[in-house]
Amino acid sequence: MKSISIRVTSVIFILLYELISYSVAYSSNLKGEYKYFEEYSSQMTLPIREMVRFDIEQIRIPITLNNVGSKNWNSASITEPIFVSYHLYSKNRKSLLMYDNIRTPLVGIVQPGDIIEIDVTLETLLKGEYVIEIDLVSEGKFWFKSTNDASIDILLKIEASIENMKKPKVVLEEVNSKIVWFVDGEKEINYCALLSESILEGNYKKFYFDNEEIYGVTAGSVYPQLWIRDASTAVPVLRHLYKENELVSWIITHLSLQNDTGELQDWIMENDKTGKNTTESDQETSLVIAAHDVSRTIGYEWLNQELNSNTVLSRLEYELEFLFIYKIDKKYGLI
């Protein structure tokens, strides 16, 4: 009986020892984790809380991040890489659709106190409404949200691109089989059209020249100038999307700057600035082509509009005469 009592006492002692050891170890580890969590902390802000995109787009959400912890963030770190990512929920957070998603790397090292702006990249999504919870992640260790850090939500509505294609704003009397903007039942063509439309809208500018509103397409979003050649190249597509005043304003402005020989400036920009490349001869011809393509859409009546004591049509003819008089090589018959 005494032997049994000793054995029971020994077992209880061993269990108590193990329990105390585990508690001490857990407490020590927890303190270490809390310390680690305090070292990695963030503040996150969004300029918008709702977004609408198409189902063919790779979505980017702009956010501002503030490193309010005491450790650097570095996506290239071998031991502690930090990324921005997100959790995908259904509308109203009814269900978690995807917990782990693609990572967006940080640019360079984000030091404590640094505030950066970054675009969080999302996978393409099917038509529907979603909640995107954006958070930082220490890869293989923890999400910042688990440290009582504040993640941030954005409502995302994905529309089916095929249902939202812009139809032409005018009915085209002439149908060119090579220029098709929307084809019922042709998914691939319409997707390409949608992307082209998005690119054009990104380069489409409005500014004031000589107190008049001017519309047109530039050579790229970084260029403030509206060049005749580049704008003309886009007209075959622009004519399906924009109204009459938007199509002709830049053409008329260029013609209004024509000099006494019929020569044109190459580009215009806001604040009444113009410029000319002396070796080029394609601006004049490009403007004639643009005027022709616009006329196919809105009709030819606008060519009779008066402009500097002449009509628009006369001005177009005058610029071609300039090429044949001043820019032609008589030996080869070339401009």
Protein backbone atom coordinates (compact mmCIF):
# COMPACT_ATOMS: atom_id res chain seq x y z
CA MET A 1 0.00 0.00 0.00
CA LYS A 2 2.86 2.32 0.91
CA SER A 3 4.58 1.42 -2.39
CA ILE A 4 1.45 2.36 -4.40
CA SER A 5 1.20 5.70 -2.56
CA ILE A 6 4.81 6.52 -3.39
CA ARG A 7 4.28 5.68 -7.05
CA VAL A 8 1.13 7.87 -7.24
CA THR A 9 2.97 10.72 -5.52
CA SER A 10 5.84 10.36 -8.01
CA VAL A 11 3.47 10.45 -11.01
CA ILE A 12 1.73 13.58 -9.67
CA PHE A 13 5.09 15.23 -9.06
CA ILE A 14 6.24 14.42 -12.60
CA LEU A 15 2.99 15.75 -14.10
CA LEU A 16 3.24 18.95 -12.05
CA TYR A 17 6.86 19.37 -13.09
CA GLU A 18 5.97 18.93 -16.77
CA LEU A 19 3.03 21.32 -16.48
CA ILE A 20 5.15 24.02 -14.79
CA SER A 21 7.95 23.55 -17.33
CA TYR A 22 5.48 23.82 -20.22
CA SER A 23 3.88 26.96 -18.70
CA VAL A 24 7.25 28.62 -18.25
CA ALA A 25 8.32 27.70 -21.77
CA TYR A 26 4.99 28.85 -23.23
CA SER A 27 5.12 32.10 -21.29
CA SER A 28 8.69 32.71 -22.43
CA ASN A 29 7.80 31.92 -26.02
CA LEU A 30 4.71 34.13 -25.85
CA LYS A 31 6.76 37.04 -24.55
CA GLY A 32 9.17 36.47 -27.42
CA GLU A 33 6.30 36.46 -29.90
CA TYR A 34 4.83 39.64 -28.42
CA LYS A 35 8.21 41.28 -28.69
CA TYR A 36 8.44 40.06 -32.27
CA PHE A 37 4.95 41.37 -32.99
CA GLU A 38 5.81 44.78 -31.56
CA GLU A 39 8.81 44.95 -33.86
CA TYR A 40 6.60 44.45 -36.91
CA SER A 41 3.66 46.84 -37.00
CA SER A 42 1.96 48.91 -39.71
CA GLN A 43 -0.63 51.54 -40.48
CA MET A 44 -2.47 51.20 -43.77
CA THR A 45 -4.75 53.63 -45.64
CA LEU A 46 -6.77 53.44 -48.86
CA PRO A 47 -7.71 56.42 -51.05
CA ILE A 48 -10.87 54.57 -52.07
CA ARG A 49 -13.04 51.93 -50.37
CA GLU A 50 -14.95 50.70 -53.40
CA MET A 51 -13.75 49.75 -56.87
CA VAL A 52 -15.32 48.49 -60.12
CA ARG A 53 -13.24 46.53 -62.62
CA PHE A 54 -13.70 44.12 -65.54
CA ASP A 55 -13.19 40.37 -65.45
CA ILE A 56 -10.25 40.49 -67.88
CA GLU A 57 -8.20 43.00 -65.92
CA GLN A 58 -5.32 42.34 -63.59
CA ILE A 59 -6.42 44.55 -60.72
CA ARG A 60 -4.14 46.88 -58.78
CA ILE A 61 -5.28 48.59 -55.59
CA PRO A 62 -3.31 51.67 -54.46
CA ILE A 63 -2.55 51.83 -50.73
CA THR A 64 -0.35 53.85 -48.39
CA LEU A 65 1.77 51.97 -45.83
CA ASN A 66 3.45 53.34 -42.72
CA ASN A 67 6.07 51.24 -40.92
CA VAL A 68 5.30 52.02 -37.25
CA GLY A 69 7.31 49.10 -35.89
CA SER A 70 11.01 48.95 -35.04
CA LYS A 71 12.17 46.54 -37.77
CA ASN A 72 12.87 47.04 -41.46
CA TRP A 73 10.55 45.51 -44.04
CA ASN A 74 12.38 43.83 -46.88
CA SER A 75 10.78 41.51 -49.42
CA ALA A 76 14.25 40.36 -50.53
CA SER A 77 15.24 39.25 -47.03
CA ILE A 78 16.26 35.58 -46.80
CA THR A 79 15.21 35.14 -43.17
CA GLU A 80 12.23 37.48 -42.75
CA PRO A 81 10.72 38.54 -46.12
CA ILE A 82 7.73 40.90 -45.82
CA PHE A 83 5.09 41.18 -48.54
CA VAL A 84 1.68 42.75 -49.10
CA SER A 85 -1.11 40.31 -49.92
CA TYR A 86 -4.83 39.85 -49.33
CA HIS A 87 -7.65 37.52 -48.29
CA LEU A 88 -10.60 37.12 -50.65
CA TYR A 89 -14.14 37.06 -49.25
CA SER A 90 -17.56 36.90 -50.84
CA LYS A 91 -19.89 39.89 -50.64
CA ASN A 92 -20.54 41.03 -47.05
CA ARG A 93 -17.82 38.60 -45.86
CA LYS A 94 -20.30 35.72 -45.90
CA SER A 95 -17.58 33.23 -46.75
CA LEU A 96 -13.81 33.10 -47.15
CA LEU A 97 -13.08 32.22 -50.77
CA MET A 98 -9.28 32.24 -50.76
CA TYR A 99 -7.03 32.86 -47.76
CA ASP A 100 -3.59 32.76 -49.38
CA ASN A 101 -3.13 34.82 -52.56
CA ILE A 102 -0.35 36.28 -54.67
CA ARG A 103 2.23 38.48 -52.96
CA THR A 104 3.13 42.03 -53.90
CA PRO A 105 6.80 42.73 -53.10
CA LEU A 106 7.88 45.96 -51.48
CA VAL A 107 10.25 48.19 -53.41
CA GLY A 108 13.54 48.41 -51.54
CA ILE A 109 13.86 48.43 -47.74
CA VAL A 110 11.07 50.12 -45.80
CA GLN A 111 12.59 51.45 -42.59
CA PRO A 112 10.73 52.33 -39.36
CA GLY A 113 8.89 55.60 -39.85
CA ASP A 114 8.86 55.30 -43.66
CA ILE A 115 5.60 55.96 -45.50
CA ILE A 116 5.28 54.42 -48.96
CA GLU A 117 2.65 54.10 -51.68
CA ILE A 118 2.27 50.77 -53.43
CA ASP A 119 -0.17 49.06 -55.80
CA VAL A 120 -1.39 45.72 -54.45
CA THR A 121 -1.76 43.22 -57.31
CA LEU A 122 -4.79 40.93 -57.43
CA GLU A 123 -5.56 37.91 -59.56
CA THR A 124 -8.21 38.29 -62.25
CA LEU A 125 -11.67 37.48 -60.90
CA LEU A 126 -14.98 36.32 -62.30
CA LYS A 127 -18.06 38.52 -62.37
CA GLY A 128 -19.34 39.17 -58.86
CA GLU A 129 -18.95 41.27 -55.73
CA TYR A 130 -16.10 40.67 -53.30
CA VAL A 131 -14.45 41.97 -50.15
CA ILE A 132 -10.67 42.23 -50.39
CA GLU A 133 -8.89 42.27 -47.02
CA ILE A 134 -5.39 43.68 -47.55
CA ASP A 135 -2.69 42.77 -45.06
CA LEU A 136 1.07 42.44 -44.68
CA VAL A 137 2.61 39.01 -44.21
CA SER A 138 5.91 37.86 -42.74
CA GLU A 139 6.37 34.92 -45.07
CA GLY A 140 6.15 31.56 -43.32
CA LYS A 141 5.58 33.18 -39.90
CA PHE A 142 2.50 35.34 -39.47
CA TRP A 143 0.07 37.84 -40.98
CA PHE A 144 0.27 41.26 -39.41
CA LYS A 145 -3.45 41.06 -38.59
CA SER A 146 -2.69 38.30 -36.08
CA THR A 147 -0.61 40.78 -34.07
CA ASN A 148 -3.65 43.02 -33.58
CA ASP A 149 -2.42 45.10 -36.50
CA ALA A 150 -5.24 46.64 -38.54
CA SER A 151 -5.85 45.16 -41.97
CA ILE A 152 -8.04 47.10 -44.38
CA ASP A 153 -11.03 46.17 -46.56
CA ILE A 154 -12.08 47.30 -50.02
CA LEU A 155 -15.32 46.40 -51.80
CA LEU A 156 -14.63 45.14 -55.30
CA LYS A 157 -17.25 44.70 -58.01
CA ILE A 158 -16.21 42.72 -61.08
CA GLU A 159 -18.28 43.25 -64.21
CA ALA A 160 -18.34 41.03 -67.27
CA SER A 161 -16.50 42.93 -69.97
CA ILE A 162 -18.54 41.44 -72.78
CA GLU A 163 -21.68 42.99 -71.25
CA ASN A 164 -20.14 46.45 -70.89
CA MET A 165 -18.60 47.05 -74.29
CA LYS A 166 -19.19 50.58 -75.52
CA LYS A 167 -21.28 50.64 -78.66
CA PRO A 168 -20.41 53.35 -81.23
CA LYS A 169 -21.81 56.76 -80.28
CA VAL A 170 -22.93 57.34 -83.86
CA VAL A 171 -24.36 55.12 -86.54
CA LEU A 172 -21.74 54.63 -89.23
CA GLU A 173 -23.12 54.87 -92.73
CA GLU A 174 -19.96 53.39 -94.17
CA VAL A 175 -18.85 50.05 -92.73
CA ASN A 176 -15.21 49.18 -93.20
CA SER A 177 -14.70 45.45 -92.74
CA LYS A 178 -11.17 46.07 -91.48
CA ILE A 179 -12.37 48.31 -88.63
CA VAL A 180 -14.71 46.38 -86.36
CA TRP A 181 -15.27 47.58 -82.81
CA PHE A 182 -17.96 45.23 -81.50
CA VAL A 183 -18.87 41.86 -82.95
CA ASP A 184 -21.69 39.91 -81.36
CA GLY A 185 -20.53 36.47 -80.32
CA GLU A 186 -16.81 37.14 -80.92
CA LYS A 187 -15.42 37.18 -77.39
CA GLU A 188 -11.74 37.54 -78.29
CA ILE A 189 -12.26 40.48 -80.67
CA ASN A 190 -14.36 42.33 -78.12
CA TYR A 191 -11.82 41.75 -75.35
CA CYS A 192 -9.12 43.28 -77.55
CA ALA A 193 -11.44 46.19 -78.33
CA LEU A 194 -12.04 46.80 -74.64
CA LEU A 195 -8.31 46.86 -73.87
CA SER A 196 -7.66 49.18 -76.82
CA GLU A 197 -10.37 51.51 -75.57
CA SER A 198 -8.78 51.56 -72.13
CA ILE A 199 -5.36 52.43 -73.58
CA LEU A 200 -6.80 55.23 -75.70
CA GLU A 201 -8.68 56.71 -72.77
CA GLY A 202 -5.43 56.69 -70.79
CA ASN A 203 -3.76 58.83 -73.49
CA TYR A 204 -6.76 61.01 -74.32
CA LYS A 205 -6.26 64.58 -73.15
CA LYS A 206 -8.30 67.74 -72.79
CA PHE A 207 -6.66 71.13 -72.47
CA TYR A 208 -7.17 74.77 -73.41
CA PHE A 209 -5.47 76.35 -76.41
CA ASP A 210 -6.23 79.96 -77.29
CA ASN A 211 -9.11 79.79 -74.77
CA GLU A 212 -10.72 76.87 -76.62
CA GLU A 213 -11.20 73.33 -75.31
CA ILE A 214 -9.04 70.89 -77.26
CA TYR A 215 -9.39 67.11 -77.24
CA GLY A 216 -7.02 64.54 -78.67
CA VAL A 217 -4.69 61.59 -78.22
CA THR A 218 -1.04 62.06 -77.29
CA ALA A 219 1.88 59.73 -78.09
CA GLY A 220 1.75 58.45 -74.50
CA SER A 221 0.65 59.50 -71.05
CA VAL A 222 4.06 61.11 -70.33
CA TYR A 223 3.84 63.41 -73.38
CA PRO A 224 2.02 66.74 -72.95
CA GLN A 225 2.14 67.51 -76.70
CA LEU A 226 -0.57 66.56 -79.15
CA TRP A 227 1.29 65.55 -82.31
CA ILE A 228 -0.59 65.42 -85.62
CA ARG A 229 0.87 62.11 -86.69
CA ASP A 230 0.15 60.25 -83.45
CA ALA A 231 -3.35 61.67 -83.05
CA SER A 232 -4.16 60.81 -86.66
CA THR A 233 -3.10 57.20 -86.18
CA ALA A 234 -5.73 56.75 -83.47
CA VAL A 235 -8.65 58.35 -85.34
CA PRO A 236 -9.91 55.12 -87.02
CA VAL A 237 -10.76 53.85 -83.53
CA LEU A 238 -11.50 57.19 -81.83
CA ARG A 239 -14.23 57.95 -84.36
CA HIS A 240 -16.27 55.08 -82.89
CA LEU A 241 -16.01 56.38 -79.34
CA TYR A 242 -16.06 60.17 -79.23
CA LYS A 243 -18.41 62.97 -80.23
CA GLU A 244 -18.00 65.42 -83.11
CA ASN A 245 -16.44 68.30 -81.15
CA GLU A 246 -13.99 65.88 -79.55
CA LEU A 247 -12.92 64.56 -82.94
CA VAL A 248 -12.46 67.83 -84.83
CA SER A 249 -11.20 70.31 -82.21
CA TRP A 250 -7.53 69.37 -82.51
CA ILE A 251 -7.69 69.30 -86.34
CA ILE A 252 -9.19 72.79 -86.54
CA THR A 253 -6.67 74.14 -84.02
CA HIS A 254 -3.74 72.81 -86.06
CA LEU A 255 -5.18 74.33 -89.24
CA SER A 256 -5.66 77.67 -87.50
CA LEU A 257 -1.87 77.80 -86.97
CA GLN A 258 -1.07 77.26 -90.65
CA ASN A 259 1.39 79.84 -92.00
CA ASP A 260 1.27 81.71 -95.32
CA THR A 261 2.99 78.87 -97.22
CA GLY A 262 0.49 76.27 -95.97
CA GLU A 263 2.97 74.68 -93.56
CA LEU A 264 1.69 73.33 -90.25
CA GLN A 265 3.13 73.07 -86.77
CA ASP A 266 3.91 69.50 -85.70
CA TRP A 267 2.42 69.67 -82.22
CA ILE A 268 0.35 71.78 -79.84
CA MET A 269 -0.03 71.73 -76.06
CA GLU A 270 -1.67 73.71 -73.29
CA ASN A 271 -0.68 77.33 -72.62
CA ASP A 272 -0.71 77.96 -76.40
CA LYS A 273 2.63 76.25 -77.00
CA THR A 274 3.54 74.83 -80.44
CA GLY A 275 6.55 73.21 -82.08
CA LYS A 276 7.96 72.09 -85.42
CA ASN A 277 10.50 69.48 -86.53
CA THR A 278 12.03 70.94 -89.68
CA THR A 279 12.93 67.60 -91.31
CA GLU A 280 9.46 66.08 -91.23
CA SER A 281 6.88 66.15 -94.02
CA ASP A 282 4.30 63.70 -92.72
CA GLN A 283 2.33 66.00 -90.43
CA GLU A 284 0.44 67.65 -93.30
CA THR A 285 -0.54 64.35 -94.90
CA SER A 286 -1.47 62.88 -91.52
CA LEU A 287 -3.92 65.71 -90.87
CA VAL A 288 -5.62 65.13 -94.23
CA ILE A 289 -6.00 61.43 -93.40
CA ALA A 290 -7.42 62.28 -89.97
CA ALA A 291 -9.94 64.70 -91.49
CA HIS A 292 -11.02 62.01 -93.96
CA ASP A 293 -11.52 59.37 -91.24
CA VAL A 294 -13.50 61.82 -89.08
CA SER A 295 -15.70 62.76 -92.08
CA ARG A 296 -16.56 59.10 -92.62
CA THR A 297 -18.19 59.17 -89.20
CA ILE A 298 -19.77 62.62 -88.79
CA GLY A 299 -20.22 63.56 -92.43
CA TYR A 300 -18.43 66.14 -94.61
CA GLU A 301 -20.39 69.27 -93.71
CA TRP A 302 -17.86 70.38 -91.08
CA LEU A 303 -15.24 70.78 -93.85
CA ASN A 304 -17.17 73.85 -95.07
CA GLN A 305 -16.72 75.58 -91.71
CA GLU A 306 -14.99 78.97 -92.05
CA LEU A 307 -11.47 79.17 -90.68
CA ASN A 308 -9.22 82.23 -91.02
CA SER A 309 -11.03 83.56 -94.13
CA ASN A 310 -11.06 80.10 -95.74
CA THR A 311 -12.89 76.83 -95.22
CA VAL A 312 -11.44 73.85 -93.40
CA LEU A 313 -11.33 71.98 -96.72
CA SER A 314 -9.38 74.81 -98.39
CA ARG A 315 -6.90 74.76 -95.53
CA LEU A 316 -6.38 71.04 -96.01
CA GLU A 317 -5.75 71.54 -99.72
CA TYR A 318 -3.38 74.41 -98.98
CA GLU A 319 -1.16 72.23 -96.79
CA LEU A 320 -0.82 69.64 -99.57
CA GLU A 321 0.17 72.39 -101.98
CA PHE A 322 2.91 73.33 -99.51
CA LEU A 323 4.37 69.83 -99.79
CA PHE A 324 4.38 69.84 -103.60
CA ILE A 325 5.95 73.30 -103.78
CA TYR A 326 8.45 73.29 -100.93
CA LYS A 327 9.10 69.65 -99.99
CA ILE A 328 9.24 67.73 -103.26
CA ASP A 329 12.49 66.34 -104.66
CA LYS A 330 12.28 67.25 -108.36
CA LYS A 331 14.85 64.66 -109.37
CA TYR A 332 13.01 61.68 -107.86
CA GLY A 333 9.50 63.13 -107.62
CA LEU A 334 9.31 62.24 -103.93
CA ILE A 335 8.37 64.30 -100.90
